[in-house]
Amino acid sequence: MKPKTPLRLLALVAIAGAVVTTVMAAPKQGGTVYSKRDGTKLLAEKKPMAATVATAGFAEPLKVGEISGSWLKVSARGGAGWVFAGYIVEDKPEREKMEGVGSVDASSTTTAAAARPIAPAAKEYAARHNLKDAEADVDWVEAQAHKITRPIVESYMSTNKKGEYQE
């Protein structure tokens, strides 16, 4: 096997390109980033459980003041604080177009509409495709999901160093 085959050179160029792109794409001090969701918390410290000093709205511009690992000290209309890099983007996000017959904005859905049972057409589809336990399966998944509380998620993320708990 030749040490400098075209495939190896191509792989090396691809890796180098990915590294350069990643370095260039990182937020820069003094630059502007945008919050990915409404209610993004700006914290007093670089800790997930720190006190919230301000919040940012969806796609709100945030001025980067300082960068420390995966945390950015940003300033917004409501104040300044630390935000985990996973909650921001460099390009201003746009709300998805929620037009069309089948689209529903979840925030405007009523509790009654969200809680309604599976439609008869869905039950018929399940029966035709030998999915007889589909309704029971959905009920089981929903029951399991309701058992997972915020403290359980926080504990898992902290223990496994996920999201804003990574160092």
C-alpha atoms as a PDB file:
ATOM      1  CA  MET A   1       0.000   0.000   0.000  1.00  0.00           C
ATOM      2  CA  LYS A   2       1.355   3.407  -0.968  1.00  0.00           C
ATOM      3  CA  PRO A   3       1.496   5.917   1.864  1.00  0.00           C
ATOM      4  CA  LYS A   4       0.252   8.834  -0.303  1.00  0.00           C
ATOM      5  CA  THR A   5      -2.677   7.421  -2.197  1.00  0.00           C
ATOM      6  CA  PRO A   6      -5.194   9.883  -3.702  1.00  0.00           C
ATOM      7  CA  LEU A   7      -7.851   8.637  -1.300  1.00  0.00           C
ATOM      8  CA  ARG A   8      -5.713   9.447   1.739  1.00  0.00           C
ATOM      9  CA  LEU A   9      -4.875  12.888   0.354  1.00  0.00           C
ATOM     10  CA  LEU A  10      -8.564  13.541  -0.304  1.00  0.00           C
ATOM     11  CA  ALA A  11      -9.415  12.499   3.256  1.00  0.00           C
ATOM     12  CA  LEU A  12      -6.700  14.774   4.646  1.00  0.00           C
ATOM     13  CA  VAL A  13      -7.962  17.731   2.596  1.00  0.00           C
ATOM     14  CA  ALA A  14     -11.543  17.068   3.745  1.00  0.00           C
ATOM     15  CA  ILE A  15     -10.504  16.962   7.399  1.00  0.00           C
ATOM     16  CA  ALA A  16      -8.442  20.136   7.057  1.00  0.00           C
ATOM     17  CA  GLY A  17     -11.378  21.874   5.360  1.00  0.00           C
ATOM     18  CA  ALA A  18     -13.745  20.820   8.138  1.00  0.00           C
ATOM     19  CA  VAL A  19     -11.370  22.122  10.821  1.00  0.00           C
ATOM     20  CA  VAL A  20     -10.907  25.462   9.053  1.00  0.00           C
ATOM     21  CA  THR A  21     -14.657  25.836   8.491  1.00  0.00           C
ATOM     22  CA  THR A  22     -15.372  25.044  12.140  1.00  0.00           C
ATOM     23  CA  VAL A  23     -12.823  27.579  13.352  1.00  0.00           C
ATOM     24  CA  MET A  24     -14.103  30.238  10.956  1.00  0.00           C
ATOM     25  CA  ALA A  25     -17.756  29.544  11.873  1.00  0.00           C
ATOM     26  CA  ALA A  26     -17.222  30.058  15.608  1.00  0.00           C
ATOM     27  CA  PRO A  27     -18.801  33.201  17.083  1.00  0.00           C
ATOM     28  CA  LYS A  28     -16.327  36.025  17.513  1.00  0.00           C
ATOM     29  CA  GLN A  29     -15.953  38.524  20.321  1.00  0.00           C
ATOM     30  CA  GLY A  30     -17.735  41.723  19.342  1.00  0.00           C
ATOM     31  CA  GLY A  31     -19.892  39.898  16.783  1.00  0.00           C
ATOM     32  CA  THR A  32     -23.621  39.327  16.750  1.00  0.00           C
ATOM     33  CA  VAL A  33     -25.415  36.029  17.275  1.00  0.00           C
ATOM     34  CA  TYR A  34     -29.133  35.216  17.552  1.00  0.00           C
ATOM     35  CA  SER A  35     -31.170  33.237  20.061  1.00  0.00           C
ATOM     36  CA  LYS A  36     -32.643  30.018  18.701  1.00  0.00           C
ATOM     37  CA  ARG A  37     -35.780  30.072  20.842  1.00  0.00           C
ATOM     38  CA  ASP A  38     -38.066  32.383  22.710  1.00  0.00           C
ATOM     39  CA  GLY A  39     -37.125  32.788  26.357  1.00  0.00           C
ATOM     40  CA  THR A  40     -33.416  31.992  26.016  1.00  0.00           C
ATOM     41  CA  LYS A  41     -31.989  32.509  29.498  1.00  0.00           C
ATOM     42  CA  LEU A  42     -29.014  34.784  30.047  1.00  0.00           C
ATOM     43  CA  LEU A  43     -27.334  33.596  33.231  1.00  0.00           C
ATOM     44  CA  ALA A  44     -25.315  35.333  35.929  1.00  0.00           C
ATOM     45  CA  GLU A  45     -22.557  32.696  35.681  1.00  0.00           C
ATOM     46  CA  LYS A  46     -21.296  30.079  33.229  1.00  0.00           C
ATOM     47  CA  LYS A  47     -23.298  27.394  35.014  1.00  0.00           C
ATOM     48  CA  PRO A  48     -26.539  25.773  33.842  1.00  0.00           C
ATOM     49  CA  MET A  49     -28.253  26.310  37.194  1.00  0.00           C
ATOM     50  CA  ALA A  50     -27.087  29.917  37.687  1.00  0.00           C
ATOM     51  CA  ALA A  51     -29.593  32.681  38.295  1.00  0.00           C
ATOM     52  CA  THR A  52     -31.299  34.101  35.220  1.00  0.00           C
ATOM     53  CA  VAL A  53     -30.493  37.802  34.810  1.00  0.00           C
ATOM     54  CA  ALA A  54     -32.343  38.371  31.526  1.00  0.00           C
ATOM     55  CA  THR A  55     -34.087  36.530  28.713  1.00  0.00           C
ATOM     56  CA  ALA A  56     -33.890  36.881  24.948  1.00  0.00           C
ATOM     57  CA  GLY A  57     -36.713  36.408  22.487  1.00  0.00           C
ATOM     58  CA  PHE A  58     -36.674  34.235  19.383  1.00  0.00           C
ATOM     59  CA  ALA A  59     -34.120  35.481  16.820  1.00  0.00           C
ATOM     60  CA  GLU A  60     -33.178  38.384  19.091  1.00  0.00           C
ATOM     61  CA  PRO A  61     -29.731  39.781  18.247  1.00  0.00           C
ATOM     62  CA  LEU A  62     -27.154  39.255  20.990  1.00  0.00           C
ATOM     63  CA  LYS A  63     -23.832  41.114  21.077  1.00  0.00           C
ATOM     64  CA  VAL A  64     -20.940  38.807  22.022  1.00  0.00           C
ATOM     65  CA  GLY A  65     -18.777  40.338  24.740  1.00  0.00           C
ATOM     66  CA  GLU A  66     -16.684  37.398  25.893  1.00  0.00           C
ATOM     67  CA  ILE A  67     -16.197  33.743  24.905  1.00  0.00           C
ATOM     68  CA  SER A  68     -15.209  31.030  27.361  1.00  0.00           C
ATOM     69  CA  GLY A  69     -15.332  27.508  25.934  1.00  0.00           C
ATOM     70  CA  SER A  70     -18.948  26.680  25.132  1.00  0.00           C
ATOM     71  CA  TRP A  71     -20.256  29.784  26.894  1.00  0.00           C
ATOM     72  CA  LEU A  72     -20.696  33.315  25.553  1.00  0.00           C
ATOM     73  CA  LYS A  73     -21.243  36.464  27.558  1.00  0.00           C
ATOM     74  CA  VAL A  74     -23.787  38.402  25.536  1.00  0.00           C
ATOM     75  CA  SER A  75     -25.828  41.547  25.871  1.00  0.00           C
ATOM     76  CA  ALA A  76     -29.430  41.875  24.785  1.00  0.00           C
ATOM     77  CA  ARG A  77     -32.240  44.400  25.145  1.00  0.00           C
ATOM     78  CA  GLY A  78     -33.092  43.096  28.624  1.00  0.00           C
ATOM     79  CA  GLY A  79     -29.544  42.915  29.988  1.00  0.00           C
ATOM     80  CA  ALA A  80     -26.357  40.904  29.764  1.00  0.00           C
ATOM     81  CA  GLY A  81     -25.404  37.410  30.854  1.00  0.00           C
ATOM     82  CA  TRP A  82     -23.914  34.066  29.902  1.00  0.00           C
ATOM     83  CA  VAL A  83     -25.546  31.746  27.377  1.00  0.00           C
ATOM     84  CA  PHE A  84     -24.589  28.235  26.307  1.00  0.00           C
ATOM     85  CA  ALA A  85     -23.410  28.209  22.664  1.00  0.00           C
ATOM     86  CA  GLY A  86     -25.964  25.532  21.779  1.00  0.00           C
ATOM     87  CA  TYR A  87     -28.761  28.049  22.274  1.00  0.00           C
ATOM     88  CA  ILE A  88     -27.524  30.571  19.731  1.00  0.00           C
ATOM     89  CA  VAL A  89     -26.833  30.717  15.983  1.00  0.00           C
ATOM     90  CA  GLU A  90     -24.803  33.092  13.835  1.00  0.00           C
ATOM     91  CA  ASP A  91     -27.399  33.504  11.085  1.00  0.00           C
ATOM     92  CA  LYS A  92     -30.742  35.025  12.062  1.00  0.00           C
ATOM     93  CA  PRO A  93     -33.310  32.212  12.184  1.00  0.00           C
ATOM     94  CA  GLU A  94     -36.715  32.640  10.556  1.00  0.00           C
ATOM     95  CA  ARG A  95     -39.964  31.280  11.862  1.00  0.00           C
ATOM     96  CA  GLU A  96     -41.111  28.462   9.664  1.00  0.00           C
ATOM     97  CA  LYS A  97     -43.965  29.306   7.394  1.00  0.00           C
ATOM     98  CA  MET A  98     -46.958  27.719   9.051  1.00  0.00           C
ATOM     99  CA  GLU A  99     -49.298  28.005   6.110  1.00  0.00           C
ATOM    100  CA  GLY A 100     -51.293  25.220   4.583  1.00  0.00           C
ATOM    101  CA  VAL A 101     -54.186  22.999   5.414  1.00  0.00           C
ATOM    102  CA  GLY A 102     -52.333  20.478   7.573  1.00  0.00           C
ATOM    103  CA  SER A 103     -50.171  22.911   9.515  1.00  0.00           C
ATOM    104  CA  VAL A 104     -50.916  23.822  13.094  1.00  0.00           C
ATOM    105  CA  ASP A 105     -48.993  26.191  15.315  1.00  0.00           C
ATOM    106  CA  ALA A 106     -48.634  24.138  18.495  1.00  0.00           C
ATOM    107  CA  SER A 107     -48.689  27.231  20.710  1.00  0.00           C
ATOM    108  CA  SER A 108     -52.184  28.103  19.520  1.00  0.00           C
ATOM    109  CA  THR A 109     -53.603  24.586  19.884  1.00  0.00           C
ATOM    110  CA  THR A 110     -56.225  24.212  22.589  1.00  0.00           C
ATOM    111  CA  THR A 111     -55.947  21.562  25.274  1.00  0.00           C
ATOM    112  CA  ALA A 112     -59.123  19.923  23.994  1.00  0.00           C
ATOM    113  CA  ALA A 113     -57.731  19.644  20.466  1.00  0.00           C
ATOM    114  CA  ALA A 114     -54.406  18.285  21.690  1.00  0.00           C
ATOM    115  CA  ALA A 115     -56.047  15.721  23.975  1.00  0.00           C
ATOM    116  CA  ARG A 116     -58.509  14.274  21.456  1.00  0.00           C
ATOM    117  CA  PRO A 117     -58.198  10.548  20.769  1.00  0.00           C
ATOM    118  CA  ILE A 118     -56.793   8.955  17.639  1.00  0.00           C
ATOM    119  CA  ALA A 119     -59.050   9.570  14.638  1.00  0.00           C
ATOM    120  CA  PRO A 120     -61.109   6.679  13.222  1.00  0.00           C
ATOM    121  CA  ALA A 121     -59.192   6.959   9.934  1.00  0.00           C
ATOM    122  CA  ALA A 122     -55.942   6.390  11.803  1.00  0.00           C
ATOM    123  CA  LYS A 123     -57.403   3.356  13.543  1.00  0.00           C
ATOM    124  CA  GLU A 124     -58.549   1.959  10.176  1.00  0.00           C
ATOM    125  CA  TYR A 125     -55.074   2.521   8.709  1.00  0.00           C
ATOM    126  CA  ALA A 126     -53.512   0.703  11.663  1.00  0.00           C
ATOM    127  CA  ALA A 127     -55.906  -2.214  11.241  1.00  0.00           C
ATOM    128  CA  ARG A 128     -55.170  -2.476   7.489  1.00  0.00           C
ATOM    129  CA  HIS A 129     -51.433  -2.546   8.174  1.00  0.00           C
ATOM    130  CA  ASN A 130     -51.610  -5.015  11.063  1.00  0.00           C
ATOM    131  CA  LEU A 131     -50.792  -2.312  13.620  1.00  0.00           C
ATOM    132  CA  LYS A 132     -53.517  -3.393  16.006  1.00  0.00           C
ATOM    133  CA  ASP A 133     -51.809  -2.111  19.141  1.00  0.00           C
ATOM    134  CA  ALA A 134     -50.977   1.340  17.752  1.00  0.00           C
ATOM    135  CA  GLU A 135     -53.321   3.217  20.081  1.00  0.00           C
ATOM    136  CA  ALA A 136     -52.069   1.276  23.103  1.00  0.00           C
ATOM    137  CA  ASP A 137     -48.478   1.896  22.002  1.00  0.00           C
ATOM    138  CA  VAL A 138     -49.082   5.646  21.739  1.00  0.00           C
ATOM    139  CA  ASP A 139     -50.745   5.653  25.168  1.00  0.00           C
ATOM    140  CA  TRP A 140     -47.765   3.767  26.644  1.00  0.00           C
ATOM    141  CA  VAL A 141     -45.229   6.182  25.111  1.00  0.00           C
ATOM    142  CA  GLU A 142     -47.183   9.175  26.416  1.00  0.00           C
ATOM    143  CA  ALA A 143     -47.386   7.630  29.901  1.00  0.00           C
ATOM    144  CA  GLN A 144     -43.628   7.011  29.900  1.00  0.00           C
ATOM    145  CA  ALA A 145     -42.931  10.545  28.694  1.00  0.00           C
ATOM    146  CA  HIS A 146     -44.960  12.009  31.560  1.00  0.00           C
ATOM    147  CA  LYS A 147     -42.745  10.145  34.049  1.00  0.00           C
ATOM    148  CA  ILE A 148     -39.655  12.032  32.873  1.00  0.00           C
ATOM    149  CA  THR A 149     -39.466  15.214  34.916  1.00  0.00           C
ATOM    150  CA  ARG A 150     -37.212  18.243  34.502  1.00  0.00           C
ATOM    151  CA  PRO A 151     -34.979  17.200  37.470  1.00  0.00           C
ATOM    152  CA  ILE A 152     -34.457  13.765  35.881  1.00  0.00           C
ATOM    153  CA  VAL A 153     -33.381  15.389  32.609  1.00  0.00           C
ATOM    154  CA  GLU A 154     -31.099  17.863  34.422  1.00  0.00           C
ATOM    155  CA  SER A 155     -29.511  15.031  36.411  1.00  0.00           C
ATOM    156  CA  TYR A 156     -28.913  12.948  33.272  1.00  0.00           C
ATOM    157  CA  MET A 157     -27.407  15.872  31.380  1.00  0.00           C
ATOM    158  CA  SER A 158     -25.176  16.830  34.305  1.00  0.00           C
ATOM    159  CA  THR A 159     -23.971  13.275  34.954  1.00  0.00           C
ATOM    160  CA  ASN A 160     -23.273  12.605  31.268  1.00  0.00           C
ATOM    161  CA  LYS A 161     -21.909  16.095  30.528  1.00  0.00           C
ATOM    162  CA  LYS A 162     -24.467  16.833  27.809  1.00  0.00           C
ATOM    163  CA  GLY A 163     -25.561  20.209  26.453  1.00  0.00           C
ATOM    164  CA  GLU A 164     -24.647  23.121  28.662  1.00  0.00           C
ATOM    165  CA  TYR A 165     -23.103  20.736  31.227  1.00  0.00           C
ATOM    166  CA  GLN A 166     -20.189  19.825  28.965  1.00  0.00           C
ATOM    167  CA  GLU A 167     -16.858  21.288  29.889  1.00  0.00           C
END
